[in-house]
Amino acid sequence: MPPVLPPPRLTLPAPDQLSPEQRRIHDEIAAGPRGKVQGPLAIWLTSPDLADKAQQLGAFCRYGSSLEPRLSELAILVTGRVWGAQFEWTVHKPIALKAGLSEAVVEAIRTRQTPPFEKEDERVVHDFAQALHRNRKVTDELYAEAVKVLGERGVVDLVGILGYYTLISMTLNAFNVPLEGDAQPELD
């Protein structure tokens, strides 16, 4: 039985009640590759400057990093799982599958098992993300392996993705952001 999600903590104004600054940022987000303002981005509109800066960082992390989508989505799923961020998981699971992550890898992450990786780059991203989230650091050996597989820029981008999606997860969890439509929680 899926968990019951708590009620949202922040009610956002209707789009026609946004301030001019909120409206500008809302419209910029909606006109970009996301196509809509949802979840944490909607929460951030309460603080327009935060919304503006965070959505720009998010656009880079999701659409402009040096990591291919399969790897960035893997990092996002690991982050969502670590934080138990239902919204993040629900939004990014289908994107990760479409980007090429296997169902077996995604399910193993969801159930906190060791994923059956067939690709070295996926294992390295997973292990690096897990280590940084859980231990707050990575070993010299894991760092060297990540640089070998992803390159220095890839490692920097990976850390940026992990940090940004930690902010996303914290926002989702702090404000009890509900799932959209008829989506059901998948994380325990």
C-alpha atoms as a PDB file:
ATOM      1  CA  MET A   1       0.000   0.000   0.000  1.00  0.00           C
ATOM      2  CA  PRO A   2       1.529   3.354  -1.029  1.00  0.00           C
ATOM      3  CA  PRO A   3       2.152   5.885   1.707  1.00  0.00           C
ATOM      4  CA  VAL A   4      -0.362   8.645   2.314  1.00  0.00           C
ATOM      5  CA  LEU A   5       1.187  11.982   1.518  1.00  0.00           C
ATOM      6  CA  PRO A   6       0.741  14.848   3.983  1.00  0.00           C
ATOM      7  CA  PRO A   7      -1.214  17.939   2.949  1.00  0.00           C
ATOM      8  CA  PRO A   8       0.677  20.756   1.177  1.00  0.00           C
ATOM      9  CA  ARG A   9       2.058  23.477   3.434  1.00  0.00           C
ATOM     10  CA  LEU A  10       2.020  26.354   0.973  1.00  0.00           C
ATOM     11  CA  THR A  11      -0.866  27.465  -1.184  1.00  0.00           C
ATOM     12  CA  LEU A  12       0.276  29.358  -4.215  1.00  0.00           C
ATOM     13  CA  PRO A  13      -1.670  32.216  -5.747  1.00  0.00           C
ATOM     14  CA  ALA A  14      -3.587  31.603  -8.923  1.00  0.00           C
ATOM     15  CA  PRO A  15      -1.624  32.604 -12.035  1.00  0.00           C
ATOM     16  CA  ASP A  16      -3.774  35.724 -12.461  1.00  0.00           C
ATOM     17  CA  GLN A  17      -2.850  36.849  -8.915  1.00  0.00           C
ATOM     18  CA  LEU A  18       0.923  36.730  -9.377  1.00  0.00           C
ATOM     19  CA  SER A  19       2.926  39.919  -8.964  1.00  0.00           C
ATOM     20  CA  PRO A  20       4.532  41.303 -12.128  1.00  0.00           C
ATOM     21  CA  GLU A  21       7.907  39.841 -11.051  1.00  0.00           C
ATOM     22  CA  GLN A  22       6.353  36.444 -10.285  1.00  0.00           C
ATOM     23  CA  ARG A  23       4.489  36.539 -13.621  1.00  0.00           C
ATOM     24  CA  ARG A  24       7.686  37.306 -15.561  1.00  0.00           C
ATOM     25  CA  ILE A  25       9.530  34.370 -14.007  1.00  0.00           C
ATOM     26  CA  HIS A  26       6.499  32.084 -14.327  1.00  0.00           C
ATOM     27  CA  ASP A  27       6.242  32.896 -18.028  1.00  0.00           C
ATOM     28  CA  GLU A  28       9.981  32.404 -18.606  1.00  0.00           C
ATOM     29  CA  ILE A  29       9.837  28.956 -17.016  1.00  0.00           C
ATOM     30  CA  ALA A  30       6.688  27.972 -18.926  1.00  0.00           C
ATOM     31  CA  ALA A  31       8.187  29.161 -22.234  1.00  0.00           C
ATOM     32  CA  GLY A  32      11.367  27.089 -21.711  1.00  0.00           C
ATOM     33  CA  PRO A  33      12.009  23.375 -22.210  1.00  0.00           C
ATOM     34  CA  ARG A  34      10.012  22.438 -19.086  1.00  0.00           C
ATOM     35  CA  GLY A  35       6.849  23.787 -20.704  1.00  0.00           C
ATOM     36  CA  LYS A  36       5.102  24.411 -17.389  1.00  0.00           C
ATOM     37  CA  VAL A  37       5.615  25.596 -13.840  1.00  0.00           C
ATOM     38  CA  GLN A  38       5.126  22.801 -11.346  1.00  0.00           C
ATOM     39  CA  GLY A  39       6.352  21.368  -8.079  1.00  0.00           C
ATOM     40  CA  PRO A  40       9.320  23.141  -6.528  1.00  0.00           C
ATOM     41  CA  LEU A  41       9.429  25.799  -9.244  1.00  0.00           C
ATOM     42  CA  ALA A  42       5.915  26.851  -8.293  1.00  0.00           C
ATOM     43  CA  ILE A  43       6.930  26.962  -4.616  1.00  0.00           C
ATOM     44  CA  TRP A  44       9.943  29.124  -5.431  1.00  0.00           C
ATOM     45  CA  LEU A  45       7.713  31.742  -7.065  1.00  0.00           C
ATOM     46  CA  THR A  46       6.917  32.826  -3.503  1.00  0.00           C
ATOM     47  CA  SER A  47      10.499  34.178  -3.538  1.00  0.00           C
ATOM     48  CA  PRO A  48      10.851  35.478  -7.106  1.00  0.00           C
ATOM     49  CA  ASP A  49      14.627  36.047  -6.953  1.00  0.00           C
ATOM     50  CA  LEU A  50      15.176  32.494  -5.743  1.00  0.00           C
ATOM     51  CA  ALA A  51      12.833  31.177  -8.430  1.00  0.00           C
ATOM     52  CA  ASP A  52      14.687  33.087 -11.119  1.00  0.00           C
ATOM     53  CA  LYS A  53      18.179  31.985 -10.118  1.00  0.00           C
ATOM     54  CA  ALA A  54      17.250  28.414  -9.209  1.00  0.00           C
ATOM     55  CA  GLN A  55      15.335  27.784 -12.424  1.00  0.00           C
ATOM     56  CA  GLN A  56      18.342  28.978 -14.433  1.00  0.00           C
ATOM     57  CA  LEU A  57      20.625  26.569 -12.574  1.00  0.00           C
ATOM     58  CA  GLY A  58      18.033  23.834 -13.020  1.00  0.00           C
ATOM     59  CA  ALA A  59      17.817  24.436 -16.745  1.00  0.00           C
ATOM     60  CA  PHE A  60      21.584  23.947 -16.978  1.00  0.00           C
ATOM     61  CA  CYS A  61      21.590  20.854 -14.768  1.00  0.00           C
ATOM     62  CA  ARG A  62      18.765  19.198 -16.647  1.00  0.00           C
ATOM     63  CA  TYR A  63      19.344  20.336 -20.229  1.00  0.00           C
ATOM     64  CA  GLY A  64      22.869  21.730 -20.548  1.00  0.00           C
ATOM     65  CA  SER A  65      25.303  19.669 -18.518  1.00  0.00           C
ATOM     66  CA  SER A  66      28.088  17.661 -20.115  1.00  0.00           C
ATOM     67  CA  LEU A  67      26.488  14.436 -18.865  1.00  0.00           C
ATOM     68  CA  GLU A  68      24.184  12.663 -21.242  1.00  0.00           C
ATOM     69  CA  PRO A  69      20.549  12.473 -20.066  1.00  0.00           C
ATOM     70  CA  ARG A  70      20.854   8.800 -19.089  1.00  0.00           C
ATOM     71  CA  LEU A  71      23.519   9.701 -16.528  1.00  0.00           C
ATOM     72  CA  SER A  72      22.007  12.951 -15.279  1.00  0.00           C
ATOM     73  CA  GLU A  73      18.643  11.243 -14.804  1.00  0.00           C
ATOM     74  CA  LEU A  74      20.390   8.458 -12.895  1.00  0.00           C
ATOM     75  CA  ALA A  75      21.903  11.071 -10.568  1.00  0.00           C
ATOM     76  CA  ILE A  76      18.466  12.680 -10.160  1.00  0.00           C
ATOM     77  CA  LEU A  77      16.829   9.354  -9.277  1.00  0.00           C
ATOM     78  CA  VAL A  78      19.517   8.539  -6.718  1.00  0.00           C
ATOM     79  CA  THR A  79      18.989  11.969  -5.149  1.00  0.00           C
ATOM     80  CA  GLY A  80      15.220  11.592  -5.131  1.00  0.00           C
ATOM     81  CA  ARG A  81      15.518   8.157  -3.534  1.00  0.00           C
ATOM     82  CA  VAL A  82      17.968   9.350  -0.856  1.00  0.00           C
ATOM     83  CA  TRP A  83      15.593  12.172   0.085  1.00  0.00           C
ATOM     84  CA  GLY A  84      12.393  10.177  -0.366  1.00  0.00           C
ATOM     85  CA  ALA A  85      11.160  12.928  -2.682  1.00  0.00           C
ATOM     86  CA  GLN A  86       8.002  11.424  -4.178  1.00  0.00           C
ATOM     87  CA  PHE A  87       7.373  14.230  -6.683  1.00  0.00           C
ATOM     88  CA  GLU A  88      10.938  14.135  -7.986  1.00  0.00           C
ATOM     89  CA  TRP A  89      10.826  10.356  -8.357  1.00  0.00           C
ATOM     90  CA  THR A  90       7.444  10.397 -10.086  1.00  0.00           C
ATOM     91  CA  VAL A  91       8.485  13.087 -12.574  1.00  0.00           C
ATOM     92  CA  HIS A  92      11.950  11.719 -13.365  1.00  0.00           C
ATOM     93  CA  LYS A  93      11.380   7.961 -13.454  1.00  0.00           C
ATOM     94  CA  PRO A  94       9.749   7.991 -16.929  1.00  0.00           C
ATOM     95  CA  ILE A  95      12.340  10.473 -18.184  1.00  0.00           C
ATOM     96  CA  ALA A  96      15.139   8.195 -16.935  1.00  0.00           C
ATOM     97  CA  LEU A  97      13.608   5.156 -18.621  1.00  0.00           C
ATOM     98  CA  LYS A  98      13.175   7.072 -21.883  1.00  0.00           C
ATOM     99  CA  ALA A  99      16.809   8.241 -21.625  1.00  0.00           C
ATOM    100  CA  GLY A 100      17.970   4.620 -21.544  1.00  0.00           C
ATOM    101  CA  LEU A 101      18.173   3.490 -17.931  1.00  0.00           C
ATOM    102  CA  SER A 102      16.907  -0.046 -17.557  1.00  0.00           C
ATOM    103  CA  GLU A 103      13.786  -0.924 -15.570  1.00  0.00           C
ATOM    104  CA  ALA A 104      15.955  -3.204 -13.419  1.00  0.00           C
ATOM    105  CA  VAL A 105      18.323  -0.370 -12.477  1.00  0.00           C
ATOM    106  CA  VAL A 106      15.457   2.020 -11.711  1.00  0.00           C
ATOM    107  CA  GLU A 107      13.626  -0.565  -9.603  1.00  0.00           C
ATOM    108  CA  ALA A 108      16.783  -1.447  -7.682  1.00  0.00           C
ATOM    109  CA  ILE A 109      17.309   2.208  -6.814  1.00  0.00           C
ATOM    110  CA  ARG A 110      13.675   2.529  -5.760  1.00  0.00           C
ATOM    111  CA  THR A 111      13.930  -0.496  -3.468  1.00  0.00           C
ATOM    112  CA  ARG A 112      17.373   0.462  -2.138  1.00  0.00           C
ATOM    113  CA  GLN A 113      19.100  -2.531  -3.714  1.00  0.00           C
ATOM    114  CA  THR A 114      22.391  -2.655  -5.592  1.00  0.00           C
ATOM    115  CA  PRO A 115      21.483  -1.997  -9.236  1.00  0.00           C
ATOM    116  CA  PRO A 116      22.499  -4.549 -11.871  1.00  0.00           C
ATOM    117  CA  PHE A 117      24.570  -2.159 -13.963  1.00  0.00           C
ATOM    118  CA  GLU A 118      25.709  -3.243 -17.388  1.00  0.00           C
ATOM    119  CA  LYS A 119      27.473   0.058 -18.096  1.00  0.00           C
ATOM    120  CA  GLU A 120      30.491   1.288 -16.164  1.00  0.00           C
ATOM    121  CA  ASP A 121      29.515   4.961 -16.409  1.00  0.00           C
ATOM    122  CA  GLU A 122      26.168   4.237 -14.742  1.00  0.00           C
ATOM    123  CA  ARG A 123      27.832   2.365 -11.894  1.00  0.00           C
ATOM    124  CA  VAL A 124      30.303   5.203 -11.355  1.00  0.00           C
ATOM    125  CA  VAL A 125      27.579   7.888 -11.323  1.00  0.00           C
ATOM    126  CA  HIS A 126      25.496   5.795  -8.935  1.00  0.00           C
ATOM    127  CA  ASP A 127      28.389   5.046  -6.580  1.00  0.00           C
ATOM    128  CA  PHE A 128      29.615   8.655  -6.600  1.00  0.00           C
ATOM    129  CA  ALA A 129      26.117  10.003  -5.938  1.00  0.00           C
ATOM    130  CA  GLN A 130      25.468   7.504  -3.163  1.00  0.00           C
ATOM    131  CA  ALA A 131      28.808   8.198  -1.499  1.00  0.00           C
ATOM    132  CA  LEU A 132      28.422  11.961  -1.640  1.00  0.00           C
ATOM    133  CA  HIS A 133      24.850  11.861  -0.334  1.00  0.00           C
ATOM    134  CA  ARG A 134      25.437   9.261   2.361  1.00  0.00           C
ATOM    135  CA  ASN A 135      28.995   9.970   3.485  1.00  0.00           C
ATOM    136  CA  ARG A 136      29.160  13.670   2.540  1.00  0.00           C
ATOM    137  CA  LYS A 137      32.387  12.943   0.660  1.00  0.00           C
ATOM    138  CA  VAL A 138      33.922  10.547  -1.865  1.00  0.00           C
ATOM    139  CA  THR A 139      37.085   8.516  -1.490  1.00  0.00           C
ATOM    140  CA  ASP A 140      40.164   9.344  -3.537  1.00  0.00           C
ATOM    141  CA  GLU A 141      39.713   6.061  -5.408  1.00  0.00           C
ATOM    142  CA  LEU A 142      36.096   6.784  -6.349  1.00  0.00           C
ATOM    143  CA  TYR A 143      36.960  10.353  -7.329  1.00  0.00           C
ATOM    144  CA  ALA A 144      39.775   9.124  -9.593  1.00  0.00           C
ATOM    145  CA  GLU A 145      37.475   6.547 -11.154  1.00  0.00           C
ATOM    146  CA  ALA A 146      34.806   9.173 -11.779  1.00  0.00           C
ATOM    147  CA  VAL A 147      37.315  11.505 -13.443  1.00  0.00           C
ATOM    148  CA  LYS A 148      38.581   8.631 -15.593  1.00  0.00           C
ATOM    149  CA  VAL A 149      35.053   7.725 -16.745  1.00  0.00           C
ATOM    150  CA  LEU A 150      33.338  11.149 -16.820  1.00  0.00           C
ATOM    151  CA  GLY A 151      36.216  13.610 -17.116  1.00  0.00           C
ATOM    152  CA  GLU A 152      36.781  16.530 -14.771  1.00  0.00           C
ATOM    153  CA  ARG A 153      33.985  18.586 -16.284  1.00  0.00           C
ATOM    154  CA  GLY A 154      31.634  15.627 -15.982  1.00  0.00           C
ATOM    155  CA  VAL A 155      32.431  15.247 -12.294  1.00  0.00           C
ATOM    156  CA  VAL A 156      31.890  18.963 -11.684  1.00  0.00           C
ATOM    157  CA  ASP A 157      28.571  18.802 -13.545  1.00  0.00           C
ATOM    158  CA  LEU A 158      27.580  15.677 -11.612  1.00  0.00           C
ATOM    159  CA  VAL A 159      28.180  17.421  -8.287  1.00  0.00           C
ATOM    160  CA  GLY A 160      26.144  20.389  -9.542  1.00  0.00           C
ATOM    161  CA  ILE A 161      23.259  18.092 -10.484  1.00  0.00           C
ATOM    162  CA  LEU A 162      23.389  16.360  -7.110  1.00  0.00           C
ATOM    163  CA  GLY A 163      23.376  19.694  -5.308  1.00  0.00           C
ATOM    164  CA  TYR A 164      20.577  21.192  -7.371  1.00  0.00           C
ATOM    165  CA  TYR A 165      18.333  18.150  -7.008  1.00  0.00           C
ATOM    166  CA  THR A 166      19.047  18.118  -3.284  1.00  0.00           C
ATOM    167  CA  LEU A 167      17.608  21.654  -3.224  1.00  0.00           C
ATOM    168  CA  ILE A 168      14.656  20.374  -5.250  1.00  0.00           C
ATOM    169  CA  SER A 169      14.153  17.466  -2.827  1.00  0.00           C
ATOM    170  CA  MET A 170      14.405  19.700   0.226  1.00  0.00           C
ATOM    171  CA  THR A 171      11.802  22.050  -1.258  1.00  0.00           C
ATOM    172  CA  LEU A 172       9.465  19.184  -2.094  1.00  0.00           C
ATOM    173  CA  ASN A 173       9.769  17.647   1.357  1.00  0.00           C
ATOM    174  CA  ALA A 174       9.661  20.878   3.376  1.00  0.00           C
ATOM    175  CA  PHE A 175       6.483  22.084   1.675  1.00  0.00           C
ATOM    176  CA  ASN A 176       4.820  18.676   1.161  1.00  0.00           C
ATOM    177  CA  VAL A 177       4.477  19.298  -2.565  1.00  0.00           C
ATOM    178  CA  PRO A 178       1.736  16.978  -3.827  1.00  0.00           C
ATOM    179  CA  LEU A 179       1.991  14.660  -6.794  1.00  0.00           C
ATOM    180  CA  GLU A 180       0.245  15.806  -9.931  1.00  0.00           C
ATOM    181  CA  GLY A 181      -2.858  14.273 -11.432  1.00  0.00           C
ATOM    182  CA  ASP A 182      -3.511  10.692 -10.461  1.00  0.00           C
ATOM    183  CA  ALA A 183       0.151   9.829  -9.780  1.00  0.00           C
ATOM    184  CA  GLN A 184       0.694   7.504  -6.834  1.00  0.00           C
ATOM    185  CA  PRO A 185       3.694   7.565  -4.492  1.00  0.00           C
ATOM    186  CA  GLU A 186       6.238   4.851  -5.230  1.00  0.00           C
ATOM    187  CA  LEU A 187       8.774   5.424  -2.483  1.00  0.00           C
ATOM    188  CA  ASP A 188       8.417   4.121   1.041  1.00  0.00           C
END
